[in-house]
Amino acid sequence: MSAASNERGNEAAGSAGEMAGGDPRLDKLVDRLPPRMGDTVTYLLKPSNRWVRIPSGALLIVGGVLSFLPILGVWMLPLGLALLAEDVPALRSSRSKVLDWVERKRPHWLDPSAPKNDQS
């Protein structure tokens, strides 16, 4: 491996580290969230915040399972799984498949110019 290819690899790793989840499609979905929630999810997806992300993801999954209780909801389950996918390789491949499906079936979700309050 040459020095030039090592530099390109380091640049790619650095640019992927700047993205919230390492996947540009996930970043586009996070950008569509309300500002306060989007900032929180971006914070949690940073690699240095693993110690907060794992318990948060686990609590969101538990909240999603208990969605029949007031305040808690089913929306917590996919968010918790997406947070845990950063640290669990088996979940990462599933997240990639879900993002592939979103890209095929609901491309307007990834369009930054689309209105944020889509009901479809």
C-alpha atoms as a PDB file:
ATOM      1  CA  MET A   1       0.000   0.000   0.000  1.00  0.00           C
ATOM      2  CA  SER A   2       1.443   3.341  -0.998  1.00  0.00           C
ATOM      3  CA  ALA A   3       1.592   6.506   1.097  1.00  0.00           C
ATOM      4  CA  ALA A   4      -0.896   8.201  -1.251  1.00  0.00           C
ATOM      5  CA  SER A   5      -3.497   5.483  -0.717  1.00  0.00           C
ATOM      6  CA  ASN A   6      -2.971   5.696   3.057  1.00  0.00           C
ATOM      7  CA  GLU A   7      -3.616   9.448   2.951  1.00  0.00           C
ATOM      8  CA  ARG A   8      -6.812   8.924   0.932  1.00  0.00           C
ATOM      9  CA  GLY A   9      -7.965   6.294   3.427  1.00  0.00           C
ATOM     10  CA  ASN A  10      -7.311   8.667   6.325  1.00  0.00           C
ATOM     11  CA  GLU A  11      -9.212  11.471   4.584  1.00  0.00           C
ATOM     12  CA  ALA A  12     -12.176   9.182   3.970  1.00  0.00           C
ATOM     13  CA  ALA A  13     -12.158   8.054   7.600  1.00  0.00           C
ATOM     14  CA  GLY A  14     -11.978  11.662   8.763  1.00  0.00           C
ATOM     15  CA  SER A  15     -14.895  12.761   6.594  1.00  0.00           C
ATOM     16  CA  ALA A  16     -16.977   9.770   7.726  1.00  0.00           C
ATOM     17  CA  GLY A  17     -16.241  10.683  11.336  1.00  0.00           C
ATOM     18  CA  GLU A  18     -17.668  14.157  10.783  1.00  0.00           C
ATOM     19  CA  MET A  19     -21.041  12.733   9.748  1.00  0.00           C
ATOM     20  CA  ALA A  20     -23.484  12.052  12.531  1.00  0.00           C
ATOM     21  CA  GLY A  21     -23.855   8.344  11.880  1.00  0.00           C
ATOM     22  CA  GLY A  22     -21.274   7.675   9.199  1.00  0.00           C
ATOM     23  CA  ASP A  23     -24.025   7.291   6.576  1.00  0.00           C
ATOM     24  CA  PRO A  24     -25.060  10.321   4.505  1.00  0.00           C
ATOM     25  CA  ARG A  25     -28.639   8.992   4.278  1.00  0.00           C
ATOM     26  CA  LEU A  26     -28.898   8.932   8.058  1.00  0.00           C
ATOM     27  CA  ASP A  27     -27.569  12.488   8.159  1.00  0.00           C
ATOM     28  CA  LYS A  28     -30.275  13.586   5.717  1.00  0.00           C
ATOM     29  CA  LEU A  29     -32.966  12.032   7.914  1.00  0.00           C
ATOM     30  CA  VAL A  30     -31.505  13.664  11.043  1.00  0.00           C
ATOM     31  CA  ASP A  31     -31.490  17.029   9.245  1.00  0.00           C
ATOM     32  CA  ARG A  32     -35.262  16.703   8.749  1.00  0.00           C
ATOM     33  CA  LEU A  33     -35.885  16.387  12.491  1.00  0.00           C
ATOM     34  CA  PRO A  34     -36.945  19.421  14.512  1.00  0.00           C
ATOM     35  CA  PRO A  35     -33.821  21.409  15.479  1.00  0.00           C
ATOM     36  CA  ARG A  36     -33.724  20.440  19.155  1.00  0.00           C
ATOM     37  CA  MET A  37     -34.225  16.726  18.496  1.00  0.00           C
ATOM     38  CA  GLY A  38     -31.822  16.791  15.537  1.00  0.00           C
ATOM     39  CA  ASP A  39     -29.101  18.353  17.678  1.00  0.00           C
ATOM     40  CA  THR A  40     -29.614  15.696  20.345  1.00  0.00           C
ATOM     41  CA  VAL A  41     -29.443  12.818  17.843  1.00  0.00           C
ATOM     42  CA  THR A  42     -26.346  14.341  16.199  1.00  0.00           C
ATOM     43  CA  TYR A  43     -24.703  14.595  19.632  1.00  0.00           C
ATOM     44  CA  LEU A  44     -25.549  10.978  20.441  1.00  0.00           C
ATOM     45  CA  LEU A  45     -24.217   9.697  17.111  1.00  0.00           C
ATOM     46  CA  LYS A  46     -20.741  11.194  17.608  1.00  0.00           C
ATOM     47  CA  PRO A  47     -18.183   8.407  18.135  1.00  0.00           C
ATOM     48  CA  SER A  48     -16.916   9.949  21.383  1.00  0.00           C
ATOM     49  CA  ASN A  49     -20.366   9.734  22.995  1.00  0.00           C
ATOM     50  CA  ARG A  50     -20.593   5.945  23.042  1.00  0.00           C
ATOM     51  CA  TRP A  51     -20.965   5.943  26.833  1.00  0.00           C
ATOM     52  CA  VAL A  52     -24.196   7.957  26.474  1.00  0.00           C
ATOM     53  CA  ARG A  53     -25.436   6.374  23.233  1.00  0.00           C
ATOM     54  CA  ILE A  54     -25.602   2.757  24.420  1.00  0.00           C
ATOM     55  CA  PRO A  55     -27.716   3.384  27.570  1.00  0.00           C
ATOM     56  CA  SER A  56     -29.889   5.879  25.656  1.00  0.00           C
ATOM     57  CA  GLY A  57     -30.514   3.350  22.888  1.00  0.00           C
ATOM     58  CA  ALA A  58     -31.351   0.628  25.402  1.00  0.00           C
ATOM     59  CA  LEU A  59     -33.769   2.922  27.280  1.00  0.00           C
ATOM     60  CA  LEU A  60     -35.451   3.970  24.030  1.00  0.00           C
ATOM     61  CA  ILE A  61     -35.942   0.322  23.055  1.00  0.00           C
ATOM     62  CA  VAL A  62     -37.467  -0.449  26.454  1.00  0.00           C
ATOM     63  CA  GLY A  63     -39.718   2.612  26.080  1.00  0.00           C
ATOM     64  CA  GLY A  64     -40.782   1.406  22.636  1.00  0.00           C
ATOM     65  CA  VAL A  65     -41.659  -2.019  23.989  1.00  0.00           C
ATOM     66  CA  LEU A  66     -43.710  -0.339  26.742  1.00  0.00           C
ATOM     67  CA  SER A  67     -45.473   1.888  24.204  1.00  0.00           C
ATOM     68  CA  PHE A  68     -48.891   0.998  25.611  1.00  0.00           C
ATOM     69  CA  LEU A  69     -48.093   3.256  28.587  1.00  0.00           C
ATOM     70  CA  PRO A  70     -48.806   6.995  28.428  1.00  0.00           C
ATOM     71  CA  ILE A  71     -45.986   9.253  27.110  1.00  0.00           C
ATOM     72  CA  LEU A  72     -43.993   6.326  25.716  1.00  0.00           C
ATOM     73  CA  GLY A  73     -44.477   5.423  22.073  1.00  0.00           C
ATOM     74  CA  VAL A  74     -43.543   3.074  19.272  1.00  0.00           C
ATOM     75  CA  TRP A  75     -41.351   5.837  17.774  1.00  0.00           C
ATOM     76  CA  MET A  76     -38.808   5.088  20.513  1.00  0.00           C
ATOM     77  CA  LEU A  77     -38.067   1.582  19.219  1.00  0.00           C
ATOM     78  CA  PRO A  78     -36.538   2.436  15.803  1.00  0.00           C
ATOM     79  CA  LEU A  79     -34.636   5.392  17.264  1.00  0.00           C
ATOM     80  CA  GLY A  80     -33.141   3.170  19.965  1.00  0.00           C
ATOM     81  CA  LEU A  81     -32.181   0.537  17.388  1.00  0.00           C
ATOM     82  CA  ALA A  82     -30.587   3.206  15.175  1.00  0.00           C
ATOM     83  CA  LEU A  83     -28.503   4.450  18.115  1.00  0.00           C
ATOM     84  CA  LEU A  84     -27.369   0.951  19.048  1.00  0.00           C
ATOM     85  CA  ALA A  85     -26.524   0.209  15.398  1.00  0.00           C
ATOM     86  CA  GLU A  86     -23.522   2.512  15.764  1.00  0.00           C
ATOM     87  CA  ASP A  87     -21.918   0.031  18.161  1.00  0.00           C
ATOM     88  CA  VAL A  88     -23.432  -3.357  17.214  1.00  0.00           C
ATOM     89  CA  PRO A  89     -22.292  -4.603  13.770  1.00  0.00           C
ATOM     90  CA  ALA A  90     -25.302  -6.928  13.344  1.00  0.00           C
ATOM     91  CA  LEU A  91     -27.673  -3.983  13.758  1.00  0.00           C
ATOM     92  CA  ARG A  92     -25.556  -1.826  11.443  1.00  0.00           C
ATOM     93  CA  SER A  93     -26.293  -4.092   8.475  1.00  0.00           C
ATOM     94  CA  SER A  94     -30.019  -4.003   9.306  1.00  0.00           C
ATOM     95  CA  ARG A  95     -29.912  -0.205   9.515  1.00  0.00           C
ATOM     96  CA  SER A  96     -28.263  -0.116   6.116  1.00  0.00           C
ATOM     97  CA  LYS A  97     -31.048  -2.291   4.674  1.00  0.00           C
ATOM     98  CA  VAL A  98     -33.694   0.001   6.171  1.00  0.00           C
ATOM     99  CA  LEU A  99     -31.958   3.069   4.731  1.00  0.00           C
ATOM    100  CA  ASP A 100     -31.786   1.311   1.341  1.00  0.00           C
ATOM    101  CA  TRP A 101     -35.563   0.738   1.558  1.00  0.00           C
ATOM    102  CA  VAL A 102     -36.154   4.394   2.478  1.00  0.00           C
ATOM    103  CA  GLU A 103     -33.999   5.477  -0.460  1.00  0.00           C
ATOM    104  CA  ARG A 104     -36.042   3.289  -2.862  1.00  0.00           C
ATOM    105  CA  LYS A 105     -39.585   3.653  -1.515  1.00  0.00           C
ATOM    106  CA  ARG A 106     -39.584   7.072   0.176  1.00  0.00           C
ATOM    107  CA  PRO A 107     -36.916   9.179  -1.546  1.00  0.00           C
ATOM    108  CA  HIS A 108     -38.723  12.387  -0.554  1.00  0.00           C
ATOM    109  CA  TRP A 109     -37.714  11.642   3.070  1.00  0.00           C
ATOM    110  CA  LEU A 110     -34.103  12.221   2.013  1.00  0.00           C
ATOM    111  CA  ASP A 111     -34.849  15.360  -0.028  1.00  0.00           C
ATOM    112  CA  PRO A 112     -33.741  18.442   1.955  1.00  0.00           C
ATOM    113  CA  SER A 113     -36.078  20.713  -0.031  1.00  0.00           C
ATOM    114  CA  ALA A 114     -39.209  18.642   0.771  1.00  0.00           C
ATOM    115  CA  PRO A 115     -41.510  19.940   3.518  1.00  0.00           C
ATOM    116  CA  LYS A 116     -40.749  18.414   6.925  1.00  0.00           C
ATOM    117  CA  ASN A 117     -44.354  17.601   7.823  1.00  0.00           C
ATOM    118  CA  ASP A 118     -44.918  14.802   5.264  1.00  0.00           C
ATOM    119  CA  GLN A 119     -47.846  12.598   6.179  1.00  0.00           C
ATOM    120  CA  SER A 120     -47.034   9.850   3.651  1.00  0.00           C
END
